[in-house]
N, C-alpha and C. Protein backbone atom coordinates (compact mmCIF):
# COMPACT_ATOMS: atom_id res chain seq x y z
N UNK A 1 0.82 -1.21 0.01
CA UNK A 1 0.00 0.00 0.01
C UNK A 1 0.87 1.27 -0.01
N UNK A 2 1.89 1.31 0.85
CA UNK A 2 2.77 2.45 0.89
C UNK A 2 3.56 2.58 -0.39
N UNK A 3 4.01 1.44 -0.94
CA UNK A 3 4.71 1.47 -2.22
C UNK A 3 3.84 1.96 -3.34
N UNK A 4 2.59 1.55 -3.32
CA UNK A 4 1.66 2.00 -4.38
C UNK A 4 1.45 3.51 -4.27
N UNK A 5 1.30 4.01 -3.05
CA UNK A 5 1.09 5.46 -2.86
C UNK A 5 2.33 6.23 -3.33
N UNK A 6 3.52 5.70 -3.02
CA UNK A 6 4.78 6.40 -3.43
C UNK A 6 4.90 6.36 -4.97
N UNK A 7 4.60 5.21 -5.58
CA UNK A 7 4.67 5.11 -7.03
C UNK A 7 3.67 6.05 -7.69
N UNK A 8 2.49 6.14 -7.14
CA UNK A 8 1.48 7.01 -7.68
C UNK A 8 1.93 8.47 -7.56
N UNK A 9 2.52 8.83 -6.43
CA UNK A 9 3.02 10.21 -6.24
C UNK A 9 4.10 10.53 -7.25
N UNK A 10 5.02 9.61 -7.47
CA UNK A 10 6.10 9.82 -8.44
C UNK A 10 5.54 9.99 -9.84
N UNK A 11 4.51 9.19 -10.15
CA UNK A 11 3.92 9.26 -11.48
C UNK A 11 3.24 10.60 -11.73
N UNK A 12 2.41 11.07 -10.77
CA UNK A 12 1.68 12.32 -11.00
C UNK A 12 2.63 13.48 -10.94
N UNK A 13 3.71 13.38 -10.15
CA UNK A 13 4.68 14.46 -10.12
C UNK A 13 5.37 14.66 -11.47
N UNK A 14 5.55 13.56 -12.19
CA UNK A 14 6.20 13.65 -13.50
C UNK A 14 5.25 13.83 -14.65
N UNK A 15 4.09 13.15 -14.57
CA UNK A 15 3.18 13.15 -15.72
C UNK A 15 2.04 14.14 -15.57
N UNK A 16 1.81 14.66 -14.36
CA UNK A 16 0.68 15.57 -14.17
C UNK A 16 -0.61 14.76 -14.12
N UNK A 17 -1.67 15.25 -14.74
CA UNK A 17 -2.94 14.55 -14.71
C UNK A 17 -2.90 13.34 -15.60
N UNK A 18 -3.65 12.31 -15.21
CA UNK A 18 -3.73 11.08 -15.98
C UNK A 18 -4.81 11.19 -17.02
N UNK A 19 -4.76 10.40 -18.06
CA UNK A 19 -5.76 10.48 -19.13
C UNK A 19 -7.17 10.25 -18.57
N UNK A 20 -8.08 11.14 -18.92
CA UNK A 20 -9.49 10.97 -18.51
C UNK A 20 -9.85 11.65 -17.21
N UNK A 21 -8.89 12.07 -16.40
CA UNK A 21 -9.23 12.67 -15.12
C UNK A 21 -9.97 13.97 -15.29
N UNK A 22 -9.47 14.85 -16.14
CA UNK A 22 -10.12 16.16 -16.35
C UNK A 22 -11.52 15.98 -16.95
N UNK A 23 -11.62 15.04 -17.89
CA UNK A 23 -12.93 14.78 -18.52
C UNK A 23 -13.91 14.32 -17.51
N UNK A 24 -13.47 13.44 -16.56
CA UNK A 24 -14.36 12.95 -15.52
C UNK A 24 -14.86 14.08 -14.64
N UNK A 25 -13.95 14.98 -14.25
CA UNK A 25 -14.39 16.13 -13.40
C UNK A 25 -15.39 17.01 -14.10
N UNK A 26 -15.12 17.29 -15.37
CA UNK A 26 -16.08 18.14 -16.12
C UNK A 26 -17.43 17.45 -16.25
N UNK A 27 -17.43 16.15 -16.49
CA UNK A 27 -18.67 15.41 -16.63
C UNK A 27 -19.46 15.36 -15.33
N UNK A 28 -18.77 15.16 -14.21
CA UNK A 28 -19.43 15.11 -12.92
C UNK A 28 -20.02 16.49 -12.59
N UNK A 29 -19.28 17.52 -12.85
CA UNK A 29 -19.77 18.86 -12.59
C UNK A 29 -20.98 19.20 -13.44
N UNK A 30 -20.97 18.79 -14.67
CA UNK A 30 -22.12 19.05 -15.54
C UNK A 30 -23.33 18.26 -15.17
N UNK A 31 -23.13 17.06 -14.61
CA UNK A 31 -24.24 16.17 -14.31
C UNK A 31 -24.89 16.47 -12.97
N UNK A 32 -24.29 17.27 -12.14
CA UNK A 32 -24.81 17.58 -10.83
C UNK A 32 -25.35 19.01 -10.83
N UNK A 33 -26.43 19.19 -10.06
CA UNK A 33 -27.05 20.50 -9.97
C UNK A 33 -26.69 21.23 -8.73
N UNK A 34 -27.39 22.32 -8.48
CA UNK A 34 -27.14 23.18 -7.32
C UNK A 34 -27.23 22.45 -5.98
N UNK A 35 -28.29 21.65 -5.74
CA UNK A 35 -28.40 20.96 -4.45
C UNK A 35 -27.21 20.02 -4.19
N UNK A 36 -26.80 19.31 -5.23
CA UNK A 36 -25.66 18.40 -5.06
C UNK A 36 -24.38 19.16 -4.76
N UNK A 37 -24.20 20.24 -5.47
CA UNK A 37 -23.00 21.04 -5.22
C UNK A 37 -22.99 21.64 -3.82
N UNK A 38 -24.16 22.08 -3.36
CA UNK A 38 -24.25 22.62 -2.00
C UNK A 38 -23.98 21.53 -0.96
N UNK A 39 -24.49 20.33 -1.23
CA UNK A 39 -24.21 19.21 -0.32
C UNK A 39 -22.69 18.88 -0.33
N UNK A 40 -22.09 18.99 -1.50
CA UNK A 40 -20.65 18.72 -1.60
C UNK A 40 -19.85 19.75 -0.77
N UNK A 41 -20.29 21.01 -0.83
CA UNK A 41 -19.61 22.07 -0.05
C UNK A 41 -19.72 21.74 1.46
N UNK A 42 -20.93 21.35 1.88
CA UNK A 42 -21.10 21.03 3.31
C UNK A 42 -20.22 19.85 3.73
N UNK A 43 -20.22 18.80 2.87
CA UNK A 43 -19.37 17.65 3.15
C UNK A 43 -17.89 18.01 3.21
N UNK A 44 -17.48 18.86 2.29
CA UNK A 44 -16.08 19.32 2.28
C UNK A 44 -15.75 20.10 3.53
N UNK A 45 -16.66 20.95 3.97
CA UNK A 45 -16.44 21.73 5.17
C UNK A 45 -16.36 20.82 6.40
N UNK A 46 -17.21 19.83 6.45
CA UNK A 46 -17.20 18.92 7.59
C UNK A 46 -15.99 18.02 7.63
N UNK A 47 -15.34 17.86 6.50
CA UNK A 47 -14.11 17.02 6.44
C UNK A 47 -12.84 17.88 6.46
N UNK A 48 -12.97 19.20 6.76
CA UNK A 48 -11.80 19.99 7.03
C UNK A 48 -11.11 19.53 8.29
N UNK A 49 -9.89 19.98 8.47
CA UNK A 49 -9.11 19.49 9.60
C UNK A 49 -9.71 19.89 10.95
N UNK A 50 -10.31 21.06 11.07
CA UNK A 50 -10.85 21.50 12.36
C UNK A 50 -11.96 20.58 12.85
N UNK A 51 -13.02 20.30 12.05
CA UNK A 51 -14.04 19.36 12.52
C UNK A 51 -13.48 17.98 12.83
N UNK A 52 -12.54 17.50 12.02
CA UNK A 52 -11.96 16.20 12.30
C UNK A 52 -11.19 16.22 13.62
N UNK A 53 -10.52 17.33 13.90
CA UNK A 53 -9.79 17.44 15.16
C UNK A 53 -10.69 17.43 16.35
N UNK A 54 -11.88 18.04 16.21
CA UNK A 54 -12.90 18.03 17.28
C UNK A 54 -13.35 16.58 17.56
N UNK A 55 -13.60 15.84 16.50
CA UNK A 55 -14.02 14.44 16.66
C UNK A 55 -12.89 13.63 17.33
N UNK A 56 -11.66 13.84 16.83
CA UNK A 56 -10.52 13.10 17.40
C UNK A 56 -10.30 13.44 18.88
N UNK A 57 -10.52 14.69 19.24
CA UNK A 57 -10.39 15.08 20.64
C UNK A 57 -11.42 14.39 21.49
N UNK A 58 -12.61 14.23 20.96
CA UNK A 58 -13.66 13.50 21.72
C UNK A 58 -13.33 12.04 21.89
N UNK A 59 -12.79 11.43 20.84
CA UNK A 59 -12.38 10.01 20.95
C UNK A 59 -11.24 9.88 21.94
N UNK A 60 -10.25 10.75 21.87
CA UNK A 60 -9.14 10.67 22.81
C UNK A 60 -9.59 10.87 24.23
N UNK A 61 -10.54 11.80 24.45
CA UNK A 61 -11.05 12.01 25.80
C UNK A 61 -11.73 10.76 26.31
N UNK A 62 -12.53 10.09 25.45
CA UNK A 62 -13.21 8.88 25.84
C UNK A 62 -12.24 7.76 26.20
N UNK A 63 -11.18 7.67 25.43
CA UNK A 63 -10.15 6.65 25.72
C UNK A 63 -9.46 6.92 27.03
N UNK A 64 -9.12 8.16 27.28
CA UNK A 64 -8.43 8.48 28.56
C UNK A 64 -9.36 8.32 29.75
N UNK A 65 -10.60 8.73 29.60
CA UNK A 65 -11.59 8.53 30.68
C UNK A 65 -11.77 7.07 30.98
N UNK A 66 -11.76 6.26 29.90
CA UNK A 66 -11.94 4.81 30.06
C UNK A 66 -10.66 4.09 30.45
N UNK A 67 -9.59 4.83 30.72
CA UNK A 67 -8.30 4.26 31.11
C UNK A 67 -7.72 3.34 30.04
N UNK A 68 -7.95 3.71 28.79
CA UNK A 68 -7.41 2.91 27.69
C UNK A 68 -6.18 3.63 27.12
N UNK A 69 -5.15 3.68 27.92
CA UNK A 69 -3.97 4.48 27.56
C UNK A 69 -3.22 3.91 26.36
N UNK A 70 -3.19 2.60 26.27
CA UNK A 70 -2.50 1.98 25.11
C UNK A 70 -3.21 2.30 23.80
N UNK A 71 -4.53 2.24 23.86
CA UNK A 71 -5.29 2.57 22.65
C UNK A 71 -5.11 4.05 22.29
N UNK A 72 -5.08 4.90 23.32
CA UNK A 72 -4.85 6.33 23.06
C UNK A 72 -3.48 6.54 22.43
N UNK A 73 -2.48 5.75 22.87
CA UNK A 73 -1.14 5.87 22.34
C UNK A 73 -1.07 5.41 20.88
N UNK A 74 -2.01 4.58 20.45
CA UNK A 74 -2.12 4.21 19.05
C UNK A 74 -2.89 5.25 18.23
N UNK A 75 -3.96 5.71 18.80
CA UNK A 75 -4.87 6.61 18.08
C UNK A 75 -4.21 7.95 17.74
N UNK A 76 -3.46 8.50 18.67
CA UNK A 76 -2.89 9.81 18.46
C UNK A 76 -1.90 9.85 17.31
N UNK A 77 -0.88 8.97 17.26
CA UNK A 77 0.03 9.02 16.09
C UNK A 77 -0.66 8.59 14.80
N UNK A 78 -1.65 7.69 14.89
CA UNK A 78 -2.34 7.23 13.68
C UNK A 78 -2.97 8.39 12.96
N UNK A 79 -3.52 9.35 13.70
CA UNK A 79 -4.18 10.49 13.07
C UNK A 79 -3.24 11.68 12.96
N UNK A 80 -2.56 12.03 14.02
CA UNK A 80 -1.81 13.29 14.06
C UNK A 80 -0.68 13.32 13.04
N UNK A 81 0.02 12.21 12.85
CA UNK A 81 1.12 12.19 11.92
C UNK A 81 0.65 12.43 10.49
N UNK A 82 -0.45 11.80 10.11
CA UNK A 82 -0.99 12.02 8.78
C UNK A 82 -1.39 13.48 8.59
N UNK A 83 -2.02 14.04 9.58
CA UNK A 83 -2.50 15.43 9.49
C UNK A 83 -1.31 16.38 9.40
N UNK A 84 -0.22 16.07 10.07
CA UNK A 84 0.95 16.96 10.04
C UNK A 84 1.79 16.80 8.80
N UNK A 85 1.90 15.56 8.28
CA UNK A 85 2.82 15.28 7.18
C UNK A 85 2.18 15.53 5.84
N UNK A 86 0.87 15.42 5.72
CA UNK A 86 0.24 15.52 4.39
C UNK A 86 0.54 16.84 3.69
N UNK A 87 0.50 18.00 4.38
CA UNK A 87 0.85 19.26 3.70
C UNK A 87 2.29 19.24 3.16
N UNK A 88 3.18 18.56 3.85
CA UNK A 88 4.57 18.46 3.40
C UNK A 88 4.65 17.60 2.14
N UNK A 89 3.88 16.54 2.08
CA UNK A 89 3.85 15.70 0.89
C UNK A 89 3.29 16.47 -0.31
N UNK A 90 2.32 17.31 -0.06
CA UNK A 90 1.78 18.16 -1.16
C UNK A 90 2.87 19.04 -1.74
N UNK A 91 3.63 19.65 -0.86
CA UNK A 91 4.70 20.52 -1.34
C UNK A 91 5.77 19.73 -2.07
N UNK A 92 6.04 18.51 -1.58
CA UNK A 92 7.06 17.67 -2.21
C UNK A 92 6.64 17.24 -3.62
N UNK A 93 5.41 16.82 -3.79
CA UNK A 93 4.94 16.37 -5.11
C UNK A 93 4.68 17.57 -6.01
N UNK A 94 4.07 18.61 -5.47
CA UNK A 94 3.87 19.86 -6.23
C UNK A 94 2.87 19.77 -7.35
N UNK A 95 1.93 18.88 -7.25
CA UNK A 95 0.95 18.74 -8.31
C UNK A 95 -0.11 19.86 -8.19
N UNK A 96 -0.30 20.67 -9.22
CA UNK A 96 -1.35 21.73 -9.14
C UNK A 96 -2.74 21.16 -9.17
N UNK A 97 -3.66 21.90 -8.63
CA UNK A 97 -5.08 21.50 -8.66
C UNK A 97 -5.62 21.59 -10.09
N UNK A 98 -6.79 20.95 -10.32
CA UNK A 98 -7.36 20.96 -11.68
C UNK A 98 -7.56 22.36 -12.23
N UNK A 99 -7.97 23.31 -11.42
CA UNK A 99 -8.10 24.70 -11.88
C UNK A 99 -9.26 24.87 -12.85
N UNK A 100 -10.28 24.04 -12.77
CA UNK A 100 -11.42 24.14 -13.66
C UNK A 100 -12.38 25.25 -13.25
N UNK A 101 -12.51 25.45 -11.93
CA UNK A 101 -13.44 26.43 -11.40
C UNK A 101 -12.77 27.16 -10.26
N UNK A 102 -13.22 28.40 -9.94
CA UNK A 102 -12.59 29.16 -8.84
C UNK A 102 -12.62 28.37 -7.51
N UNK A 103 -11.55 28.49 -6.77
CA UNK A 103 -11.42 27.77 -5.48
C UNK A 103 -11.43 28.81 -4.35
N UNK A 104 -11.87 28.37 -3.16
CA UNK A 104 -11.84 29.26 -2.00
C UNK A 104 -10.38 29.65 -1.67
N UNK A 105 -10.19 30.79 -1.05
CA UNK A 105 -8.86 31.24 -0.72
C UNK A 105 -8.18 30.31 0.30
N UNK A 106 -8.98 29.57 1.09
CA UNK A 106 -8.43 28.70 2.10
C UNK A 106 -7.84 27.45 1.53
N UNK A 107 -8.09 27.15 0.25
CA UNK A 107 -7.59 25.92 -0.35
C UNK A 107 -6.17 26.12 -0.84
N UNK A 108 -5.28 25.19 -0.53
CA UNK A 108 -3.89 25.29 -0.93
C UNK A 108 -3.76 25.08 -2.45
N UNK A 109 -2.63 25.46 -2.98
CA UNK A 109 -2.43 25.37 -4.43
C UNK A 109 -2.09 24.00 -4.92
N UNK A 110 -1.67 23.09 -4.02
CA UNK A 110 -1.25 21.76 -4.41
C UNK A 110 -2.33 20.72 -4.09
N UNK A 111 -2.34 19.65 -4.86
CA UNK A 111 -3.48 18.73 -4.80
C UNK A 111 -3.13 17.35 -4.30
N UNK A 112 -1.89 16.85 -4.51
CA UNK A 112 -1.58 15.42 -4.22
C UNK A 112 -0.63 15.30 -3.05
N UNK A 113 -1.00 14.45 -2.06
CA UNK A 113 -2.25 13.70 -1.92
C UNK A 113 -3.31 14.57 -1.28
N UNK A 114 -4.57 14.25 -1.56
CA UNK A 114 -5.69 15.06 -1.02
C UNK A 114 -5.69 15.06 0.49
N UNK A 115 -5.70 16.25 1.08
CA UNK A 115 -5.79 16.34 2.54
C UNK A 115 -7.10 15.85 3.08
N UNK A 116 -8.19 16.19 2.40
CA UNK A 116 -9.49 15.70 2.85
C UNK A 116 -9.56 14.20 2.86
N UNK A 117 -9.02 13.55 1.81
CA UNK A 117 -9.01 12.10 1.76
C UNK A 117 -8.09 11.51 2.81
N UNK A 118 -6.87 11.97 2.90
CA UNK A 118 -5.91 11.43 3.85
C UNK A 118 -6.34 11.65 5.29
N UNK A 119 -6.77 12.89 5.60
CA UNK A 119 -7.13 13.22 6.99
C UNK A 119 -8.33 12.43 7.45
N UNK A 120 -9.34 12.30 6.58
CA UNK A 120 -10.54 11.54 6.94
C UNK A 120 -10.22 10.05 7.06
N UNK A 121 -9.38 9.54 6.15
CA UNK A 121 -9.02 8.11 6.21
C UNK A 121 -8.26 7.81 7.47
N UNK A 122 -7.36 8.72 7.89
CA UNK A 122 -6.58 8.49 9.11
C UNK A 122 -7.51 8.46 10.33
N UNK A 123 -8.53 9.32 10.35
CA UNK A 123 -9.44 9.30 11.50
C UNK A 123 -10.27 8.04 11.50
N UNK A 124 -10.77 7.62 10.37
CA UNK A 124 -11.60 6.42 10.30
C UNK A 124 -10.75 5.21 10.67
N UNK A 125 -9.57 5.11 10.11
CA UNK A 125 -8.68 3.97 10.40
C UNK A 125 -8.27 3.98 11.87
N UNK A 126 -7.98 5.19 12.41
CA UNK A 126 -7.64 5.26 13.83
C UNK A 126 -8.81 4.81 14.72
N UNK A 127 -10.00 5.14 14.33
CA UNK A 127 -11.16 4.69 15.13
C UNK A 127 -11.27 3.15 15.05
N UNK A 128 -11.01 2.59 13.87
CA UNK A 128 -11.08 1.12 13.76
C UNK A 128 -10.04 0.42 14.62
N UNK A 129 -8.93 1.12 14.92
CA UNK A 129 -7.93 0.57 15.79
C UNK A 129 -8.42 0.43 17.24
N UNK A 130 -9.27 1.32 17.64
CA UNK A 130 -9.61 1.41 19.08
C UNK A 130 -11.04 0.97 19.40
N UNK A 131 -11.89 0.81 18.37
CA UNK A 131 -13.28 0.34 18.62
C UNK A 131 -13.20 -1.16 18.91
N UNK A 132 -13.83 -1.57 19.99
CA UNK A 132 -13.79 -2.96 20.44
C UNK A 132 -15.11 -3.68 20.10
N UNK A 133 -14.99 -4.94 19.85
CA UNK A 133 -16.18 -5.74 19.54
C UNK A 133 -16.36 -5.86 18.02
N UNK A 134 -16.61 -7.09 17.58
CA UNK A 134 -16.71 -7.34 16.15
C UNK A 134 -17.82 -6.56 15.51
N UNK A 135 -19.02 -6.53 16.11
CA UNK A 135 -20.15 -5.81 15.54
C UNK A 135 -19.89 -4.33 15.49
N UNK A 136 -19.33 -3.79 16.58
CA UNK A 136 -19.05 -2.36 16.58
C UNK A 136 -18.03 -2.01 15.53
N UNK A 137 -17.03 -2.87 15.36
CA UNK A 137 -15.97 -2.58 14.38
C UNK A 137 -16.54 -2.65 12.94
N UNK A 138 -17.43 -3.64 12.69
CA UNK A 138 -18.05 -3.72 11.38
C UNK A 138 -18.89 -2.48 11.09
N UNK A 139 -19.67 -2.07 12.11
CA UNK A 139 -20.51 -0.87 11.94
C UNK A 139 -19.65 0.36 11.67
N UNK A 140 -18.55 0.49 12.42
CA UNK A 140 -17.66 1.62 12.23
C UNK A 140 -17.04 1.59 10.84
N UNK A 141 -16.71 0.40 10.36
CA UNK A 141 -16.10 0.28 9.03
C UNK A 141 -17.09 0.67 7.95
N UNK A 142 -18.37 0.26 8.09
CA UNK A 142 -19.38 0.59 7.10
C UNK A 142 -19.64 2.09 7.11
N UNK A 143 -19.86 2.66 8.27
CA UNK A 143 -20.13 4.11 8.36
C UNK A 143 -18.91 4.90 7.91
N UNK A 144 -17.74 4.47 8.34
CA UNK A 144 -16.51 5.15 7.92
C UNK A 144 -16.26 5.09 6.43
N UNK A 145 -16.51 3.91 5.85
CA UNK A 145 -16.33 3.76 4.42
C UNK A 145 -17.29 4.64 3.62
N UNK A 146 -18.55 4.72 4.10
CA UNK A 146 -19.51 5.59 3.45
C UNK A 146 -19.10 7.06 3.54
N UNK A 147 -18.57 7.44 4.70
CA UNK A 147 -18.11 8.80 4.87
C UNK A 147 -16.94 9.13 3.94
N UNK A 148 -15.99 8.22 3.82
CA UNK A 148 -14.86 8.44 2.91
C UNK A 148 -15.31 8.55 1.46
N UNK A 149 -16.31 7.78 1.07
CA UNK A 149 -16.83 7.86 -0.27
C UNK A 149 -17.48 9.24 -0.51
N UNK A 150 -18.26 9.70 0.48
CA UNK A 150 -18.90 11.02 0.35
C UNK A 150 -17.85 12.12 0.26
N UNK A 151 -16.82 12.02 1.10
CA UNK A 151 -15.75 13.02 1.06
C UNK A 151 -15.09 13.06 -0.32
N UNK A 152 -14.80 11.87 -0.83
CA UNK A 152 -14.16 11.79 -2.14
C UNK A 152 -15.06 12.38 -3.24
N UNK A 153 -16.33 12.01 -3.22
CA UNK A 153 -17.27 12.53 -4.24
C UNK A 153 -17.39 14.05 -4.14
N UNK A 154 -17.38 14.56 -2.92
CA UNK A 154 -17.51 16.01 -2.76
C UNK A 154 -16.34 16.72 -3.41
N UNK A 155 -15.16 16.21 -3.27
CA UNK A 155 -13.96 16.83 -3.85
C UNK A 155 -13.99 16.76 -5.37
N UNK A 156 -14.54 15.69 -5.92
CA UNK A 156 -14.65 15.54 -7.38
C UNK A 156 -15.71 16.46 -7.93
N UNK A 157 -16.88 16.52 -7.29
CA UNK A 157 -17.95 17.37 -7.75
C UNK A 157 -17.53 18.83 -7.75
N UNK A 158 -16.77 19.22 -6.71
CA UNK A 158 -16.32 20.62 -6.61
C UNK A 158 -15.12 20.91 -7.50
N UNK A 159 -14.52 19.86 -8.10
CA UNK A 159 -13.39 20.04 -8.98
C UNK A 159 -12.13 20.45 -8.26
N UNK A 160 -12.01 20.09 -7.00
CA UNK A 160 -10.83 20.49 -6.22
C UNK A 160 -9.70 19.48 -6.28
N UNK A 161 -10.01 18.26 -6.70
CA UNK A 161 -9.00 17.21 -6.77
C UNK A 161 -9.24 16.31 -7.95
N UNK A 162 -8.14 15.78 -8.46
CA UNK A 162 -8.24 14.68 -9.43
C UNK A 162 -8.51 13.37 -8.65
N UNK A 163 -9.07 12.36 -9.32
CA UNK A 163 -9.29 11.09 -8.62
C UNK A 163 -8.02 10.49 -8.02
N UNK A 164 -6.89 10.63 -8.70
CA UNK A 164 -5.65 10.09 -8.14
C UNK A 164 -5.19 10.81 -6.91
N UNK A 165 -5.61 12.08 -6.73
CA UNK A 165 -5.31 12.77 -5.47
C UNK A 165 -5.96 12.06 -4.29
N UNK A 166 -7.21 11.69 -4.52
CA UNK A 166 -7.96 11.00 -3.47
C UNK A 166 -7.35 9.61 -3.19
N UNK A 167 -7.05 8.89 -4.25
CA UNK A 167 -6.46 7.56 -4.10
C UNK A 167 -5.14 7.63 -3.33
N UNK A 168 -4.31 8.58 -3.69
CA UNK A 168 -3.05 8.77 -3.00
C UNK A 168 -3.25 9.04 -1.49
N UNK A 169 -4.21 9.89 -1.18
CA UNK A 169 -4.46 10.19 0.22
C UNK A 169 -4.93 8.98 1.00
N UNK A 170 -5.86 8.23 0.41
CA UNK A 170 -6.37 7.03 1.10
C UNK A 170 -5.27 5.99 1.27
N UNK A 171 -4.43 5.81 0.24
CA UNK A 171 -3.42 4.77 0.30
C UNK A 171 -2.36 5.08 1.34
N UNK A 172 -1.86 6.34 1.38
CA UNK A 172 -0.76 6.59 2.30
C UNK A 172 -1.26 6.66 3.76
N UNK A 173 -2.47 7.19 3.96
CA UNK A 173 -3.01 7.21 5.30
C UNK A 173 -3.26 5.78 5.80
N UNK A 174 -3.81 4.96 4.94
CA UNK A 174 -4.06 3.57 5.30
C UNK A 174 -2.78 2.83 5.60
N UNK A 175 -1.76 3.06 4.78
CA UNK A 175 -0.46 2.39 5.01
C UNK A 175 0.14 2.80 6.33
N UNK A 176 0.00 4.06 6.68
CA UNK A 176 0.59 4.57 7.93
C UNK A 176 -0.12 3.92 9.14
N UNK A 177 -1.44 3.89 9.10
CA UNK A 177 -2.20 3.32 10.23
C UNK A 177 -1.94 1.84 10.35
N UNK A 178 -1.79 1.13 9.23
CA UNK A 178 -1.45 -0.29 9.30
C UNK A 178 -0.08 -0.48 9.93
N UNK A 179 0.86 0.40 9.58
CA UNK A 179 2.22 0.32 10.21
C UNK A 179 2.13 0.53 11.71
N UNK A 180 1.32 1.49 12.14
CA UNK A 180 1.14 1.75 13.56
C UNK A 180 0.54 0.52 14.25
N UNK A 181 -0.45 -0.07 13.62
CA UNK A 181 -1.15 -1.20 14.21
C UNK A 181 -0.26 -2.42 14.33
N UNK A 182 0.62 -2.63 13.36
CA UNK A 182 1.45 -3.85 13.37
C UNK A 182 2.72 -3.66 14.21
N UNK A 183 3.19 -2.41 14.33
CA UNK A 183 4.46 -2.17 15.02
C UNK A 183 4.27 -2.04 16.54
N UNK A 184 3.08 -1.58 16.95
CA UNK A 184 2.88 -1.30 18.38
C UNK A 184 2.38 -2.53 19.09
N UNK A 185 2.98 -2.90 20.21
CA UNK A 185 2.50 -4.04 21.01
C UNK A 185 1.16 -3.73 21.64
N UNK A 186 0.28 -4.69 21.65
CA UNK A 186 -1.03 -4.53 22.27
C UNK A 186 -1.08 -5.40 23.52
N UNK A 187 -1.04 -4.76 24.69
CA UNK A 187 -1.06 -5.47 25.93
C UNK A 187 -2.44 -5.50 26.53
N UNK A 188 -2.55 -5.95 27.73
CA UNK A 188 -3.85 -6.05 28.40
C UNK A 188 -3.90 -5.12 29.57
N UNK A 189 -3.09 -4.05 29.58
CA UNK A 189 -3.05 -3.18 30.73
C UNK A 189 -4.11 -2.14 30.82
N UNK A 190 -4.91 -1.96 29.70
CA UNK A 190 -5.97 -0.94 29.74
C UNK A 190 -7.10 -1.40 30.65
N UNK A 191 -7.69 -0.42 31.31
CA UNK A 191 -8.75 -0.74 32.24
C UNK A 191 -10.03 -1.08 31.55
N UNK A 192 -10.97 -1.61 32.35
CA UNK A 192 -12.31 -1.93 31.83
C UNK A 192 -13.13 -0.62 31.72
N UNK A 193 -13.55 -0.35 30.49
CA UNK A 193 -14.15 0.97 30.24
C UNK A 193 -15.65 0.88 30.05
N UNK A 194 -16.24 -0.25 30.25
CA UNK A 194 -17.67 -0.40 30.06
C UNK A 194 -18.04 -0.13 28.62
N UNK A 195 -18.90 0.88 28.40
CA UNK A 195 -19.38 1.15 27.04
C UNK A 195 -18.54 2.17 26.31
N UNK A 196 -17.44 2.62 26.86
CA UNK A 196 -16.60 3.63 26.21
C UNK A 196 -15.98 3.04 24.94
N UNK A 197 -16.51 3.40 23.79
CA UNK A 197 -16.06 2.91 22.50
C UNK A 197 -16.14 1.39 22.40
N UNK A 198 -16.99 0.79 23.24
CA UNK A 198 -17.15 -0.64 23.15
C UNK A 198 -16.18 -1.40 24.01
N UNK A 199 -16.49 -2.64 24.21
CA UNK A 199 -15.62 -3.52 25.00
C UNK A 199 -14.70 -4.32 24.07
């Protein structure tokens, strides 16, 4: 997964947009109306870093209250590292945005990997690391997957990212969280937290 993300980044840095990406964005924009575009703006706003940070802070507070310190020690780097490093990766790759329609001033000039995709994927994957119970984890995966799809669609509808920007963000965030999950020892020292994020 990490190798795929790196190879994709190297490709777009050298080749720019891939065949069909711009056509896809124009087609999606033409096929969607005002309500869809407004919904895309709301989804994009909700997947900005500030709302995601609020959610992450709530999860971290629940873990600490539930005395799940080891899970908290996994959750923080799983999310925070992706959020901190992704802007640096954008500068490194230097891929410009599609530039099909005017963008808000708050949007950075570089597109790969998508911050909305990577940041949301890191939060969802981080949650899957700490949610206990098979049913709860499946539910979290379904809801999280649907959210990631909505975030990706919103960026395409608004013309702010190429599809490969989203793919790169998902791949590298997922690779990082998998690395965290496999490298960190999971002990039994966390306390019994009752219903806090499940047992």
